C-alpha atoms as a PDB file:
ATOM      1  CA  MET A   1     -34.831 -29.867   8.371  1.00  0.00           C
ATOM      2  CA  ALA A   2     -37.242 -27.032   7.625  1.00  0.00           C
ATOM      3  CA  ARG A   3     -37.409 -23.411   9.028  1.00  0.00           C
ATOM      4  CA  ASP A   4     -40.166 -22.749  11.355  1.00  0.00           C
ATOM      5  CA  GLN A   5     -42.739 -21.027   9.274  1.00  0.00           C
ATOM      6  CA  HIS A   6     -43.906 -18.308  12.431  1.00  0.00           C
ATOM      7  CA  SER A   7     -39.982 -17.408  12.637  1.00  0.00           C
ATOM      8  CA  PRO A   8     -38.466 -14.369  10.804  1.00  0.00           C
ATOM      9  CA  ALA A   9     -35.964 -14.775   8.270  1.00  0.00           C
ATOM     10  CA  SER A  10     -32.534 -13.899   9.646  1.00  0.00           C
ATOM     11  CA  ALA A  11     -31.323 -10.396   8.054  1.00  0.00           C
ATOM     12  CA  HIS A  12     -27.861 -11.484   7.826  1.00  0.00           C
ATOM     13  CA  PRO A  13     -26.450 -14.754   6.376  1.00  0.00           C
ATOM     14  CA  GLY A  14     -24.023 -17.133   8.020  1.00  0.00           C
ATOM     15  CA  PRO A  15     -20.764 -15.646   8.199  1.00  0.00           C
ATOM     16  CA  PRO A  16     -18.648 -15.192   4.968  1.00  0.00           C
ATOM     17  CA  SER A  17     -16.598 -18.839   4.593  1.00  0.00           C
ATOM     18  CA  THR A  18     -12.988 -18.026   5.164  1.00  0.00           C
ATOM     19  CA  PRO A  19     -10.483 -17.136   2.085  1.00  0.00           C
ATOM     20  CA  GLU A  20      -8.664 -20.505   0.838  1.00  0.00           C
ATOM     21  CA  PRO A  21      -4.942 -20.445   1.542  1.00  0.00           C
ATOM     22  CA  ALA A  22      -2.278 -19.387  -0.835  1.00  0.00           C
ATOM     23  CA  PRO A  23      -0.879 -22.278  -3.102  1.00  0.00           C
ATOM     24  CA  ALA A  24       2.111 -23.806  -1.597  1.00  0.00           C
ATOM     25  CA  GLY A  25       4.960 -22.852  -3.146  1.00  0.00           C
ATOM     26  CA  LYS A  26       7.906 -19.635  -3.096  1.00  0.00           C
ATOM     27  CA  PRO A  27       6.694 -16.774  -0.446  1.00  0.00           C
ATOM     28  CA  ALA A  28       6.279 -13.240  -1.369  1.00  0.00           C
ATOM     29  CA  LEU A  29       9.286 -11.287  -2.062  1.00  0.00           C
ATOM     30  CA  LEU A  30       7.608  -8.423  -0.005  1.00  0.00           C
ATOM     31  CA  SER A  31       4.063  -7.755   1.437  1.00  0.00           C
ATOM     32  CA  GLN A  32       1.922  -5.423  -0.012  1.00  0.00           C
ATOM     33  CA  ARG A  33       2.028  -2.717   3.188  1.00  0.00           C
ATOM     34  CA  THR A  34       5.796  -2.677   2.179  1.00  0.00           C
ATOM     35  CA  ALA A  35       5.527  -2.647  -1.904  1.00  0.00           C
ATOM     36  CA  LEU A  36       2.834   0.114  -1.424  1.00  0.00           C
ATOM     37  CA  ILE A  37       5.155   2.177   0.918  1.00  0.00           C
ATOM     38  CA  LEU A  38       8.175   1.821  -1.685  1.00  0.00           C
ATOM     39  CA  PHE A  39       6.052   2.596  -4.486  1.00  0.00           C
ATOM     40  CA  ILE A  40       4.660   5.870  -2.942  1.00  0.00           C
ATOM     41  CA  ALA A  41       8.063   7.044  -1.809  1.00  0.00           C
ATOM     42  CA  VAL A  42       9.665   6.259  -5.092  1.00  0.00           C
ATOM     43  CA  VAL A  43       6.868   8.245  -7.309  1.00  0.00           C
ATOM     44  CA  SER A  44       6.945  11.159  -4.642  1.00  0.00           C
ATOM     45  CA  GLY A  45      10.956  10.991  -5.152  1.00  0.00           C
ATOM     46  CA  ILE A  46      10.311  11.055  -8.646  1.00  0.00           C
ATOM     47  CA  GLY A  47       8.106  14.037  -8.662  1.00  0.00           C
ATOM     48  CA  VAL A  48       9.983  16.007  -6.145  1.00  0.00           C
ATOM     49  CA  GLY A  49      13.064  15.938  -8.312  1.00  0.00           C
ATOM     50  CA  VAL A  50      11.515  16.651 -11.687  1.00  0.00           C
ATOM     51  CA  LEU A  51       9.953  19.547  -9.926  1.00  0.00           C
ATOM     52  CA  THR A  52      13.556  20.658  -8.050  1.00  0.00           C
ATOM     53  CA  PHE A  53      14.925  20.082 -11.654  1.00  0.00           C
ATOM     54  CA  PHE A  54      12.776  22.660 -13.477  1.00  0.00           C
ATOM     55  CA  ALA A  55      13.361  25.156 -10.612  1.00  0.00           C
ATOM     56  CA  GLU A  56      17.155  24.856 -10.229  1.00  0.00           C
ATOM     57  CA  LYS A  57      18.355  23.720 -13.682  1.00  0.00           C
ATOM     58  CA  SER A  58      20.566  21.287 -11.582  1.00  0.00           C
ATOM     59  CA  TYR A  59      20.768  17.828 -12.018  1.00  0.00           C
ATOM     60  CA  PRO A  60      22.607  16.931  -8.737  1.00  0.00           C
ATOM     61  CA  LYS A  61      20.549  19.207  -6.753  1.00  0.00           C
ATOM     62  CA  ALA A  62      17.505  17.456  -8.449  1.00  0.00           C
ATOM     63  CA  VAL A  63      18.910  13.660  -7.340  1.00  0.00           C
ATOM     64  CA  LEU A  64      19.432  14.875  -3.922  1.00  0.00           C
ATOM     65  CA  ALA A  65      15.920  16.742  -3.268  1.00  0.00           C
ATOM     66  CA  GLY A  66      14.613  13.574  -4.758  1.00  0.00           C
ATOM     67  CA  VAL A  67      16.186  11.172  -2.904  1.00  0.00           C
ATOM     68  CA  ILE A  68      15.540  12.714   0.498  1.00  0.00           C
ATOM     69  CA  ALA A  69      12.214  13.119  -0.275  1.00  0.00           C
ATOM     70  CA  ALA A  70      11.816   9.477  -0.977  1.00  0.00           C
ATOM     71  CA  GLY A  71      13.739   8.694   2.098  1.00  0.00           C
ATOM     72  CA  GLY A  72      11.339  11.107   4.116  1.00  0.00           C
ATOM     73  CA  CYS A  73       8.185   9.866   2.731  1.00  0.00           C
ATOM     74  CA  THR A  74       9.253   6.075   3.557  1.00  0.00           C
ATOM     75  CA  VAL A  75       9.837   6.838   7.131  1.00  0.00           C
ATOM     76  CA  GLY A  76       6.598   8.961   7.256  1.00  0.00           C
ATOM     77  CA  LEU A  77       4.504   6.400   5.753  1.00  0.00           C
ATOM     78  CA  HIS A  78       5.955   3.851   7.811  1.00  0.00           C
ATOM     79  CA  ASN A  79       4.753   5.191  10.683  1.00  0.00           C
ATOM     80  CA  LEU A  80       1.752   6.029   9.225  1.00  0.00           C
ATOM     81  CA  ILE A  81       0.161   3.018   7.903  1.00  0.00           C
ATOM     82  CA  ASP A  82      -0.179   0.589  10.589  1.00  0.00           C
END
């Protein structure tokens, strides 16, 4: 079936094909959202811990600051990333 010669060509092609479903197997342990939130929280906690150690020269204070920062970052990102 040929296109009518007088009608303009479509500016947008048809909708893209739907992605193929994931292969049958084990489901992912974590969703991408959860993995992203935890990764950013851990990196932030390590950063805060290192900076606290450089400022205070105390391992317990640095660990406590890092853990609190990671926890707060996790809660904040959970509410932010929707």
